[in-house]
Amino acid sequence: MPTNRASSISPEYPLLGLLRLVPGHGYQVHQRLERELGSLWKVHQNQAYNILSRLEAAGLVRGAPGGKGLHARRKMSLTPAGRRRFDTWLRTPTGLSARALRVDFLTRLYFAQRLDPELAHEIIDGQLAVTRDGVERLRRRSETDPDQGSVAELSDDLRLRHLKLVIEWLESLHARIETPAPG
């Protein structure tokens, strides 16, 4: 299962996601980002505009005139390619760094909950699988290379303990996220 590295964390995805939920002009999108995801993402307004322009140039969003006059705002919406890019990102488990889990995973979970609670549970399960795999890899490495007291061993021990806590936390999320009643 592919994972994203912490270095691939980009504000383009929450901007695409906000447009996936509700099209709007750049100012509205930025205001929603600050209001709804501001605890995870610090993006200046001009940075959001630049990212939206880049996404438009790449064919991932389209801007349409949103009113009359010289300074009419352009209403942004996702193109089919933008929706595919966002949906692929949404379903791809996050890397195992603390920052990736805090920022990237929680952003994915935010959007999954709004799009489909069942999808939120799938995303949690996918992240659990990747995290459990990471724990197993660290365990095997520590068994094959037991260099007692080395910095590498201490680092692996810290990561292992962190990932075990992450697994516990991910398991608890299922109960915290509502599942829709059968139809």
Foldseek 3Di string as FASTA:
>chain_A
DDADAPVPDDPLLLLLLLLVVPWFFLVVSVVCCCVPVVVQDDADSVRSVVSQVVCVVVQQKPWDFDDDDDPTTTTIHGDPVNVVVNVVLLQHAYDLDPSRCVRVLVSSLVSCLVVALVSSLNRLVNNLVVLVVVLVVLVVVCVVDVPPPDPVVVVSVVSNVVSVVVNVVSVVVVVVRDHDDDD
